[in-house]
Amino acid sequence: MKDNSVRFKIIKELSVDYPVQLLSEFAGVSRSGHYKLLKLKNVKTPKQQED
Protein backbone atom coordinates (compact mmCIF):
# COMPACT_ATOMS: atom_id res chain seq x y z
CA MET A 1 0.00 0.00 0.00
CA LYS A 2 2.83 2.40 0.76
CA ASP A 3 4.07 2.00 -2.80
CA ASN A 4 0.66 3.12 -4.10
CA SER A 5 0.66 6.07 -1.70
CA VAL A 6 3.85 7.31 -3.30
CA ARG A 7 2.31 6.86 -6.74
CA PHE A 8 -0.81 8.77 -5.74
CA LYS A 9 1.30 11.59 -4.31
CA ILE A 10 3.20 11.89 -7.57
CA ILE A 11 -0.07 11.87 -9.51
CA LYS A 12 -1.39 14.68 -7.32
CA GLU A 13 1.70 16.78 -7.96
CA LEU A 14 1.77 16.15 -11.71
CA SER A 15 -1.99 16.60 -12.19
CA VAL A 16 -1.38 20.33 -12.60
CA ASP A 17 0.20 19.66 -15.99
CA TYR A 18 -1.16 16.25 -17.03
CA PRO A 19 -4.55 14.50 -16.95
CA VAL A 20 -5.13 12.25 -13.94
CA GLN A 21 -6.35 9.46 -16.23
CA LEU A 22 -3.07 9.40 -18.15
CA LEU A 23 -0.97 9.56 -14.98
CA SER A 24 -3.00 6.77 -13.36
CA GLU A 25 -2.56 4.50 -16.35
CA PHE A 26 1.16 5.20 -16.43
CA ALA A 27 1.53 4.53 -12.68
CA GLY A 28 -0.60 1.39 -12.82
CA VAL A 29 -3.19 2.58 -10.31
CA SER A 30 -6.88 3.35 -10.64
CA ARG A 31 -8.10 6.88 -11.23
CA SER A 32 -10.92 6.27 -8.76
CA GLY A 33 -8.36 5.28 -6.13
CA HIS A 34 -6.64 8.62 -6.62
CA TYR A 35 -9.85 10.56 -6.06
CA LYS A 36 -10.86 8.31 -3.14
CA LEU A 37 -7.55 9.05 -1.41
CA LEU A 38 -8.00 12.79 -1.97
CA LYS A 39 -11.50 12.62 -0.54
CA LEU A 40 -10.32 10.70 2.51
CA LYS A 41 -7.59 13.26 3.11
CA ASN A 42 -9.93 16.14 2.14
CA VAL A 43 -7.32 17.53 -0.23
CA LYS A 44 -8.12 19.80 -3.15
CA THR A 45 -6.47 19.13 -6.47
CA PRO A 46 -4.55 22.00 -8.06
CA LYS A 47 -7.38 22.45 -10.58
CA GLN A 48 -9.93 22.69 -7.75
CA GLN A 49 -7.78 25.32 -6.04
CA GLU A 50 -7.90 27.49 -9.18
CA ASP A 51 -11.71 27.71 -8.96
PDB file of N, CA and C in Angstrom:
ATOM      1  N   MET A   1       0.832  -1.204   0.000  1.00  0.00           N
ATOM      2  CA  MET A   1       0.000   0.000   0.000  1.00  0.00           C
ATOM      3  C   MET A   1       0.864   1.251   0.000  1.00  0.00           C
ATOM      4  N   LYS A   2       1.984   1.217   0.708  1.00  0.00           N
ATOM      5  CA  LYS A   2       2.831   2.404   0.760  1.00  0.00           C
ATOM      6  C   LYS A   2       3.326   2.768  -0.637  1.00  0.00           C
ATOM      7  N   ASP A   3       3.619   1.758  -1.444  1.00  0.00           N
ATOM      8  CA  ASP A   3       4.069   2.000  -2.804  1.00  0.00           C
ATOM      9  C   ASP A   3       3.004   2.777  -3.585  1.00  0.00           C
ATOM     10  N   ASN A   4       1.739   2.394  -3.432  1.00  0.00           N
ATOM     11  CA  ASN A   4       0.662   3.117  -4.101  1.00  0.00           C
ATOM     12  C   ASN A   4       0.515   4.528  -3.552  1.00  0.00           C
ATOM     13  N   SER A   5       0.753   4.725  -2.284  1.00  0.00           N
ATOM     14  CA  SER A   5       0.656   6.067  -1.698  1.00  0.00           C
ATOM     15  C   SER A   5       1.649   7.006  -2.363  1.00  0.00           C
ATOM     16  N   VAL A   6       2.830   6.507  -2.620  1.00  0.00           N
ATOM     17  CA  VAL A   6       3.849   7.315  -3.303  1.00  0.00           C
ATOM     18  C   VAL A   6       3.379   7.629  -4.715  1.00  0.00           C
ATOM     19  N   ARG A   7       2.813   6.650  -5.376  1.00  0.00           N
ATOM     20  CA  ARG A   7       2.312   6.856  -6.737  1.00  0.00           C
ATOM     21  C   ARG A   7       1.206   7.905  -6.746  1.00  0.00           C
ATOM     22  N   PHE A   8       0.281   7.806  -5.798  1.00  0.00           N
ATOM     23  CA  PHE A   8      -0.814   8.769  -5.739  1.00  0.00           C
ATOM     24  C   PHE A   8      -0.306  10.179  -5.432  1.00  0.00           C
ATOM     25  N   LYS A   9       0.718  10.277  -4.608  1.00  0.00           N
ATOM     26  CA  LYS A   9       1.302  11.585  -4.305  1.00  0.00           C
ATOM     27  C   LYS A   9       1.911  12.206  -5.564  1.00  0.00           C
ATOM     28  N   ILE A  10       2.598  11.403  -6.325  1.00  0.00           N
ATOM     29  CA  ILE A  10       3.201  11.888  -7.566  1.00  0.00           C
ATOM     30  C   ILE A  10       2.107  12.313  -8.547  1.00  0.00           C
ATOM     31  N   ILE A  11       1.044  11.523  -8.637  1.00  0.00           N
ATOM     32  CA  ILE A  11      -0.075  11.871  -9.512  1.00  0.00           C
ATOM     33  C   ILE A  11      -0.665  13.204  -9.102  1.00  0.00           C
ATOM     34  N   LYS A  12      -0.834  13.411  -7.809  1.00  0.00           N
ATOM     35  CA  LYS A  12      -1.393  14.677  -7.324  1.00  0.00           C
ATOM     36  C   LYS A  12      -0.518  15.848  -7.747  1.00  0.00           C
ATOM     37  N   GLU A  13       0.778  15.696  -7.614  1.00  0.00           N
ATOM     38  CA  GLU A  13       1.704  16.780  -7.962  1.00  0.00           C
ATOM     39  C   GLU A  13       1.730  17.046  -9.472  1.00  0.00           C
ATOM     40  N   LEU A  14       1.682  15.987 -10.263  1.00  0.00           N
ATOM     41  CA  LEU A  14       1.769  16.153 -11.709  1.00  0.00           C
ATOM     42  C   LEU A  14       0.431  16.494 -12.364  1.00  0.00           C
ATOM     43  N   SER A  15      -0.662  16.358 -11.610  1.00  0.00           N
ATOM     44  CA  SER A  15      -1.991  16.597 -12.190  1.00  0.00           C
ATOM     45  C   SER A  15      -2.209  18.056 -12.572  1.00  0.00           C
ATOM     46  N   VAL A  16      -1.308  18.932 -12.175  1.00  0.00           N
ATOM     47  CA  VAL A  16      -1.377  20.328 -12.601  1.00  0.00           C
ATOM     48  C   VAL A  16      -1.125  20.420 -14.099  1.00  0.00           C
ATOM     49  N   ASP A  17      -0.220  19.585 -14.593  1.00  0.00           N
ATOM     50  CA  ASP A  17       0.203  19.655 -15.986  1.00  0.00           C
ATOM     51  C   ASP A  17      -0.318  18.523 -16.868  1.00  0.00           C
ATOM     52  N   TYR A  18      -0.747  17.424 -16.260  1.00  0.00           N
ATOM     53  CA  TYR A  18      -1.160  16.246 -17.032  1.00  0.00           C
ATOM     54  C   TYR A  18      -2.484  15.712 -16.511  1.00  0.00           C
ATOM     55  N   PRO A  19      -3.269  15.072 -17.381  1.00  0.00           N
ATOM     56  CA  PRO A  19      -4.555  14.501 -16.951  1.00  0.00           C
ATOM     57  C   PRO A  19      -4.355  13.342 -15.965  1.00  0.00           C
ATOM     58  N   VAL A  20      -5.208  13.294 -14.960  1.00  0.00           N
ATOM     59  CA  VAL A  20      -5.130  12.246 -13.942  1.00  0.00           C
ATOM     60  C   VAL A  20      -5.286  10.871 -14.590  1.00  0.00           C
ATOM     61  N   GLN A  21      -6.146  10.754 -15.574  1.00  0.00           N
ATOM     62  CA  GLN A  21      -6.350   9.458 -16.226  1.00  0.00           C
ATOM     63  C   GLN A  21      -5.049   8.938 -16.833  1.00  0.00           C
ATOM     64  N   LEU A  22      -4.332   9.786 -17.532  1.00  0.00           N
ATOM     65  CA  LEU A  22      -3.070   9.397 -18.147  1.00  0.00           C
ATOM     66  C   LEU A  22      -2.031   9.016 -17.088  1.00  0.00           C
ATOM     67  N   LEU A  23      -1.931   9.833 -16.049  1.00  0.00           N
ATOM     68  CA  LEU A  23      -0.966   9.563 -14.980  1.00  0.00           C
ATOM     69  C   LEU A  23      -1.292   8.257 -14.261  1.00  0.00           C
ATOM     70  N   SER A  24      -2.579   8.006 -14.036  1.00  0.00           N
ATOM     71  CA  SER A  24      -3.000   6.774 -13.357  1.00  0.00           C
ATOM     72  C   SER A  24      -2.645   5.546 -14.179  1.00  0.00           C
ATOM     73  N   GLU A  25      -2.911   5.618 -15.476  1.00  0.00           N
ATOM     74  CA  GLU A  25      -2.565   4.497 -16.349  1.00  0.00           C
ATOM     75  C   GLU A  25      -1.057   4.249 -16.339  1.00  0.00           C
ATOM     76  N   PHE A  26      -0.297   5.310 -16.425  1.00  0.00           N
ATOM     77  CA  PHE A  26       1.161   5.196 -16.431  1.00  0.00           C
ATOM     78  C   PHE A  26       1.684   4.595 -15.123  1.00  0.00           C
ATOM     79  N   ALA A  27       1.081   4.996 -14.000  1.00  0.00           N
ATOM     80  CA  ALA A  27       1.529   4.529 -12.682  1.00  0.00           C
ATOM     81  C   ALA A  27       0.970   3.150 -12.330  1.00  0.00           C
ATOM     82  N   GLY A  28      -0.023   2.701 -13.093  1.00  0.00           N
ATOM     83  CA  GLY A  28      -0.598   1.389 -12.823  1.00  0.00           C
ATOM     84  C   GLY A  28      -1.539   1.375 -11.633  1.00  0.00           C
ATOM     85  N   VAL A  29      -2.206   2.496 -11.388  1.00  0.00           N
ATOM     86  CA  VAL A  29      -3.192   2.583 -10.311  1.00  0.00           C
ATOM     87  C   VAL A  29      -4.507   3.084 -10.894  1.00  0.00           C
ATOM     88  N   SER A  30      -5.586   2.922 -10.136  1.00  0.00           N
ATOM     89  CA  SER A  30      -6.881   3.352 -10.644  1.00  0.00           C
ATOM     90  C   SER A  30      -7.090   4.848 -10.420  1.00  0.00           C
ATOM     91  N   ARG A  31      -7.765   5.461 -11.360  1.00  0.00           N
ATOM     92  CA  ARG A  31      -8.100   6.879 -11.228  1.00  0.00           C
ATOM     93  C   ARG A  31      -9.044   7.079 -10.047  1.00  0.00           C
ATOM     94  N   SER A  32      -9.978   6.146  -9.878  1.00  0.00           N
ATOM     95  CA  SER A  32     -10.920   6.268  -8.763  1.00  0.00           C
ATOM     96  C   SER A  32     -10.200   6.180  -7.421  1.00  0.00           C
ATOM     97  N   GLY A  33      -9.149   5.374  -7.357  1.00  0.00           N
ATOM     98  CA  GLY A  33      -8.356   5.284  -6.130  1.00  0.00           C
ATOM     99  C   GLY A  33      -7.690   6.607  -5.791  1.00  0.00           C
ATOM    100  N   HIS A  34      -7.251   7.305  -6.820  1.00  0.00           N
ATOM    101  CA  HIS A  34      -6.635   8.623  -6.622  1.00  0.00           C
ATOM    102  C   HIS A  34      -7.641   9.583  -5.988  1.00  0.00           C
ATOM    103  N   TYR A  35      -8.840   9.640  -6.579  1.00  0.00           N
ATOM    104  CA  TYR A  35      -9.850  10.560  -6.056  1.00  0.00           C
ATOM    105  C   TYR A  35     -10.368  10.120  -4.686  1.00  0.00           C
ATOM    106  N   LYS A  36     -10.427   8.816  -4.457  1.00  0.00           N
ATOM    107  CA  LYS A  36     -10.856   8.311  -3.144  1.00  0.00           C
ATOM    108  C   LYS A  36      -9.868   8.741  -2.061  1.00  0.00           C
ATOM    109  N   LEU A  37      -8.582   8.640  -2.367  1.00  0.00           N
ATOM    110  CA  LEU A  37      -7.553   9.047  -1.409  1.00  0.00           C
ATOM    111  C   LEU A  37      -7.646  10.543  -1.127  1.00  0.00           C
ATOM    112  N   LEU A  38      -7.859  11.344  -2.168  1.00  0.00           N
ATOM    113  CA  LEU A  38      -7.999  12.786  -1.972  1.00  0.00           C
ATOM    114  C   LEU A  38      -9.206  13.101  -1.090  1.00  0.00           C
ATOM    115  N   LYS A  39     -10.292  12.389  -1.329  1.00  0.00           N
ATOM    116  CA  LYS A  39     -11.503  12.621  -0.538  1.00  0.00           C
ATOM    117  C   LYS A  39     -11.280  12.248   0.926  1.00  0.00           C
ATOM    118  N   LEU A  40     -10.600  11.126   1.145  1.00  0.00           N
ATOM    119  CA  LEU A  40     -10.317  10.695   2.513  1.00  0.00           C
ATOM    120  C   LEU A  40      -9.438  11.704   3.242  1.00  0.00           C
ATOM    121  N   LYS A  41      -8.498  12.289   2.513  1.00  0.00           N
ATOM    122  CA  LYS A  41      -7.591  13.262   3.111  1.00  0.00           C
ATOM    123  C   LYS A  41      -8.132  14.680   3.012  1.00  0.00           C
ATOM    124  N   ASN A  42      -9.286  14.832   2.319  1.00  0.00           N
ATOM    125  CA  ASN A  42      -9.926  16.136   2.139  1.00  0.00           C
ATOM    126  C   ASN A  42      -8.947  17.136   1.526  1.00  0.00           C
ATOM    127  N   VAL A  43      -8.308  16.719   0.459  1.00  0.00           N
ATOM    128  CA  VAL A  43      -7.316  17.528  -0.234  1.00  0.00           C
ATOM    129  C   VAL A  43      -7.897  18.006  -1.547  1.00  0.00           C
ATOM    130  N   LYS A  44      -7.675  19.266  -1.869  1.00  0.00           N
ATOM    131  CA  LYS A  44      -8.116  19.799  -3.148  1.00  0.00           C
ATOM    132  C   LYS A  44      -7.015  19.620  -4.177  1.00  0.00           C
ATOM    133  N   THR A  45      -7.429  19.244  -5.382  1.00  0.00           N
ATOM    134  CA  THR A  45      -6.473  19.132  -6.472  1.00  0.00           C
ATOM    135  C   THR A  45      -6.083  20.521  -6.915  1.00  0.00           C
ATOM    136  N   PRO A  46      -4.954  20.673  -7.580  1.00  0.00           N
ATOM    137  CA  PRO A  46      -4.554  21.999  -8.064  1.00  0.00           C
ATOM    138  C   PRO A  46      -5.623  22.657  -8.929  1.00  0.00           C
ATOM    139  N   LYS A  47      -6.323  21.875  -9.738  1.00  0.00           N
ATOM    140  CA  LYS A  47      -7.378  22.445 -10.575  1.00  0.00           C
ATOM    141  C   LYS A  47      -8.548  22.955  -9.734  1.00  0.00           C
ATOM    142  N   GLN A  48      -8.870  22.248  -8.644  1.00  0.00           N
ATOM    143  CA  GLN A  48      -9.933  22.693  -7.748  1.00  0.00           C
ATOM    144  C   GLN A  48      -9.530  23.987  -7.032  1.00  0.00           C
ATOM    145  N   GLN A  49      -8.252  24.142  -6.739  1.00  0.00           N
ATOM    146  CA  GLN A  49      -7.779  25.324  -6.037  1.00  0.00           C
ATOM    147  C   GLN A  49      -7.871  26.564  -6.926  1.00  0.00           C
ATOM    148  N   GLU A  50      -7.797  26.365  -8.249  1.00  0.00           N
ATOM    149  CA  GLU A  50      -7.903  27.494  -9.175  1.00  0.00           C
ATOM    150  C   GLU A  50      -9.305  28.081  -9.168  1.00  0.00           C
ATOM    151  N   ASP A  51     -10.313  27.249  -8.938  1.00  0.00           N
ATOM    152  CA  ASP A  51     -11.711  27.709  -8.955  1.00  0.00           C
ATOM    153  C   ASP A  51     -12.083  28.550  -7.765  1.00  0.00           C
TER     154      ASP A  51
END
